[in-house]
Every structure is written in C-alpha cells, then in structure tokens.
Amino acid sequence: MNTENPRLTIGIPIHGGERWLDGVTSNVSRVPPWSRVVISDASHLDNAAAVLTETYRDDPNVEVVSRPGTLNLVEHANLLLDEAGTEYFCWLPQDDLASPADYFTLLVDALDSRPDCVLAFFFFNVRATTFIYTCSLIFSKHDALPISPYRSRLMKTSGNFPSATRSL
C-alpha cells in the first residue's frame, strides 16, 4: 500500500464489533493500495479493537483507534471525517460488505471521471441479520459536511444530491 500519498480514507466506526470482524477484515482486504483505513472503537463493549489492532499491527495503512470515553454514532462519524486528510472519504459501517472486489476503485474512478460530481455510491450486500438496506458513500473531502440527525434525514429523503453513476 502507498502510505505516503493516500487518496481515500475509509472510516469504519465499530460498536460492539466482535461479531462483525470477518466482514471488517474482508472489507479491508478490498482497499486499494492508494488508500488508508481508520477503524475506530468508541464504545468499548467488547474486544474487537484489540483483535483488529493485533491483526493490522504491521499494516501501515490501517490504523485501529480506541477512543477514550463514549461517542454516539453522529459524533463518531463526524470525528472520523474531521480526521481524514485525503482527497476522498468513505464511511463504512462495520456490518456492511463492500462488493464487488474493486468497489472502492470503481467509486473513486467514477468521481475522477466526473469532476462536476461530489458523491458516488451504490448499494451493498447486507447481512441477513440486519433488516436495514444500506449504502456507503465516497465523496470529495472538501465538499463533505458533518452529519447531523437533521442532515441524515435530509440525505435519505432528498433526491437533490448530484452523484457520478456507472453501470456495472
């Protein structure tokens, strides 16, 4: 992996993440060499951060952070965004699986080919144990706004966010 000039930061907030470790490691294995991953635990409910720290101790592009105190999801997501220092940023929930294998590359390529767009996304394969159909977003860091409960609802209900599209 290219540790000097990553273009994409993938922020994975974990919350009681032990049962999702296989999915998290699968997603990290799909990360392009020009990216960095920040796995962040702000709940301290289980041993997930310790397991992931050991798993990625020799990988310079994966950082596992155990936050002091407890953050709610909005605070946690905004902190990951604030700390990203790359051109592109992606929040990746611990229980989602990125698919196809070149998922991150496809989305960044879509944004690179459409400089007038600030957001690219497509839907994930969602684990059978959850009933929420989710998607992950990659967007230009300089166009990103922090998440708020209001903004979250607005993003779900408004169709006014320009996105780059590509048929797979």
Protein backbone atom coordinates (compact mmCIF):
# COMPACT_ATOMS: atom_id res chain seq x y z
CA MET A 1 0.00 0.00 0.00
CA ASN A 2 1.10 3.54 -0.66
CA THR A 3 1.47 5.12 2.77
CA GLU A 4 2.91 8.41 1.51
CA ASN A 5 0.03 9.84 -0.54
CA PRO A 6 -3.26 8.07 0.10
CA ARG A 7 -6.21 9.49 -1.88
CA LEU A 8 -9.02 7.83 0.07
CA THR A 9 -9.67 7.42 3.78
CA ILE A 10 -12.15 4.71 4.76
CA GLY A 11 -13.55 5.31 8.24
CA ILE A 12 -15.02 2.28 9.97
CA PRO A 13 -16.70 3.14 13.28
CA ILE A 14 -17.15 -0.02 15.35
CA HIS A 15 -19.62 -0.52 18.15
CA GLY A 16 -19.65 -3.94 19.75
CA GLY A 17 -17.89 -5.14 16.62
CA GLU A 18 -16.66 -8.62 17.54
CA ARG A 19 -19.43 -10.36 15.62
CA TRP A 20 -18.55 -8.33 12.52
CA LEU A 21 -14.78 -8.98 12.50
CA ASP A 22 -14.88 -11.28 9.45
CA GLY A 23 -16.70 -8.63 7.43
CA VAL A 24 -14.40 -5.83 8.58
CA THR A 25 -11.29 -7.81 7.61
CA SER A 26 -12.88 -8.77 4.28
CA ASN A 27 -13.58 -5.11 3.53
CA VAL A 28 -10.05 -4.06 4.49
CA SER A 29 -8.68 -6.69 2.09
CA ARG A 30 -10.51 -4.89 -0.75
CA VAL A 31 -8.95 -1.50 -0.07
CA PRO A 32 -6.84 -0.15 -2.95
CA PRO A 33 -3.13 0.43 -2.34
CA TRP A 34 -3.60 4.23 -2.52
CA SER A 35 -5.96 4.27 0.49
CA ARG A 36 -5.87 4.29 4.27
CA VAL A 37 -8.30 2.73 6.72
CA VAL A 38 -9.18 4.05 10.18
CA ILE A 39 -11.06 1.56 12.35
CA SER A 40 -12.34 3.38 15.39
CA ASP A 41 -13.93 2.00 18.58
CA ALA A 42 -15.80 4.49 20.73
CA SER A 43 -17.99 2.08 22.67
CA HIS A 44 -15.54 -0.34 24.35
CA LEU A 45 -18.25 -3.02 24.52
CA ASP A 46 -16.04 -5.93 23.53
CA ASN A 47 -12.57 -7.00 22.41
CA ALA A 48 -12.94 -6.00 18.72
CA ALA A 49 -10.41 -3.15 18.79
CA ALA A 50 -7.76 -5.34 20.45
CA VAL A 51 -8.27 -8.13 17.89
CA LEU A 52 -8.08 -5.68 14.98
CA THR A 53 -5.03 -3.94 16.44
CA GLU A 54 -3.22 -7.28 16.51
CA THR A 55 -4.46 -8.21 13.02
CA TYR A 56 -3.21 -4.97 11.44
CA ARG A 57 -0.18 -4.17 13.61
CA ASP A 58 2.19 -4.50 10.62
CA ASP A 59 -0.01 -2.74 8.06
CA PRO A 60 0.96 0.95 7.82
CA ASN A 61 -2.26 1.86 6.00
CA VAL A 62 -4.61 0.52 8.66
CA GLU A 63 -4.96 2.38 11.94
CA VAL A 64 -7.05 0.99 14.79
CA VAL A 65 -8.04 3.60 17.35
CA SER A 66 -9.67 3.01 20.72
CA ARG A 67 -11.27 6.32 21.67
CA PRO A 68 -11.38 7.47 25.27
CA GLY A 69 -14.90 7.82 26.61
CA THR A 70 -18.00 7.04 24.61
CA LEU A 71 -19.27 8.77 21.45
CA ASN A 72 -22.68 8.41 19.84
CA LEU A 73 -22.83 7.45 16.15
CA VAL A 74 -23.10 11.01 14.85
CA GLU A 75 -20.17 12.24 16.98
CA HIS A 76 -18.12 9.21 15.98
CA ALA A 77 -18.81 9.60 12.25
CA ASN A 78 -18.04 13.32 12.32
CA LEU A 79 -14.78 12.71 14.19
CA LEU A 80 -13.65 10.22 11.52
CA LEU A 81 -14.47 12.76 8.80
CA ASP A 82 -12.66 15.55 10.64
CA GLU A 83 -9.52 13.43 10.99
CA ALA A 84 -9.37 12.37 7.33
CA GLY A 85 -6.65 14.17 5.44
CA THR A 86 -7.24 12.71 1.99
CA GLU A 87 -8.94 13.85 -1.19
CA TYR A 88 -11.78 11.33 -0.77
CA PHE A 89 -13.53 9.91 2.28
CA CYS A 90 -15.85 6.96 2.87
CA TRP A 91 -17.79 5.90 5.95
CA LEU A 92 -18.10 2.12 6.01
CA PRO A 93 -20.41 0.58 8.62
CA GLN A 94 -18.95 -2.42 10.44
CA ASP A 95 -21.78 -4.70 9.32
CA ASP A 96 -21.68 -3.94 5.57
CA LEU A 97 -19.74 -5.88 2.96
CA ALA A 98 -18.17 -3.97 0.08
CA SER A 99 -18.91 -5.70 -3.21
CA PRO A 100 -17.65 -6.13 -5.91
CA ALA A 101 -13.99 -6.63 -5.02
CA ASP A 102 -12.96 -3.38 -6.73
CA TYR A 103 -15.77 -1.41 -5.05
CA PHE A 104 -13.64 1.48 -3.79
CA THR A 105 -11.72 1.83 -7.07
CA LEU A 106 -14.94 1.93 -9.10
CA LEU A 107 -16.37 4.74 -6.99
CA VAL A 108 -13.21 6.85 -6.98
CA ASP A 109 -12.84 6.30 -10.75
CA ALA A 110 -16.43 7.48 -11.21
CA LEU A 111 -15.69 10.68 -9.27
CA ASP A 112 -12.40 11.22 -11.10
CA SER A 113 -14.21 10.95 -14.44
CA ARG A 114 -16.93 13.40 -13.36
CA PRO A 115 -15.30 16.41 -11.65
CA ASP A 116 -18.71 18.10 -11.54
CA CYS A 117 -19.92 15.46 -9.06
CA VAL A 118 -19.15 15.27 -5.35
CA LEU A 119 -20.69 11.94 -4.38
CA ALA A 120 -20.60 8.36 -5.66
CA PHE A 121 -22.38 5.35 -4.18
CA PHE A 122 -24.01 2.03 -4.82
CA PHE A 123 -25.73 -0.48 -2.62
CA PHE A 124 -24.09 -3.19 -0.53
CA ASN A 125 -24.89 -6.80 0.05
CA VAL A 126 -26.44 -6.55 3.51
CA ARG A 127 -26.01 -9.36 6.03
CA ALA A 128 -29.11 -11.41 6.72
CA THR A 129 -29.06 -10.47 10.41
CA THR A 130 -29.95 -6.86 9.70
CA PHE A 131 -33.10 -5.51 8.11
CA ILE A 132 -31.68 -2.15 7.04
CA TYR A 133 -30.75 -1.71 3.39
CA THR A 134 -27.67 0.48 3.49
CA CYS A 135 -25.19 2.04 1.13
CA SER A 136 -21.78 3.58 1.54
CA LEU A 137 -20.67 6.87 0.07
CA ILE A 138 -17.38 8.15 -1.22
CA PHE A 139 -17.13 11.86 -1.71
CA SER A 140 -14.68 14.68 -2.11
CA LYS A 141 -13.43 15.62 1.35
CA HIS A 142 -13.64 19.35 0.66
CA ASP A 143 -17.36 19.03 -0.20
CA ALA A 144 -18.24 16.97 2.85
CA LEU A 145 -20.43 18.36 5.59
CA PRO A 146 -20.63 16.87 9.07
CA ILE A 147 -23.52 14.54 9.77
CA SER A 148 -26.31 15.77 11.97
CA PRO A 149 -29.57 13.98 12.74
CA TYR A 150 -31.35 16.54 10.52
CA ARG A 151 -28.84 16.22 7.66
CA SER A 152 -29.09 12.42 7.86
CA ARG A 153 -32.85 12.55 7.37
CA LEU A 154 -32.46 15.11 4.57
CA MET A 155 -29.96 12.91 2.72
CA LYS A 156 -32.35 9.94 2.91
CA THR A 157 -35.38 11.85 1.66
CA SER A 158 -33.97 14.34 -0.85
CA GLY A 159 -33.06 13.42 -4.38
CA ASN A 160 -31.04 16.59 -4.90
CA PHE A 161 -27.51 15.28 -4.31
CA PRO A 162 -25.53 15.02 -7.58
CA SER A 163 -23.75 11.70 -7.99
CA ALA A 164 -21.50 10.05 -10.51
CA THR A 165 -23.03 6.90 -11.96
CA ARG A 166 -21.53 3.95 -13.74
CA SER A 167 -23.19 0.73 -14.90
CA LEU A 168 -21.53 -2.37 -13.54
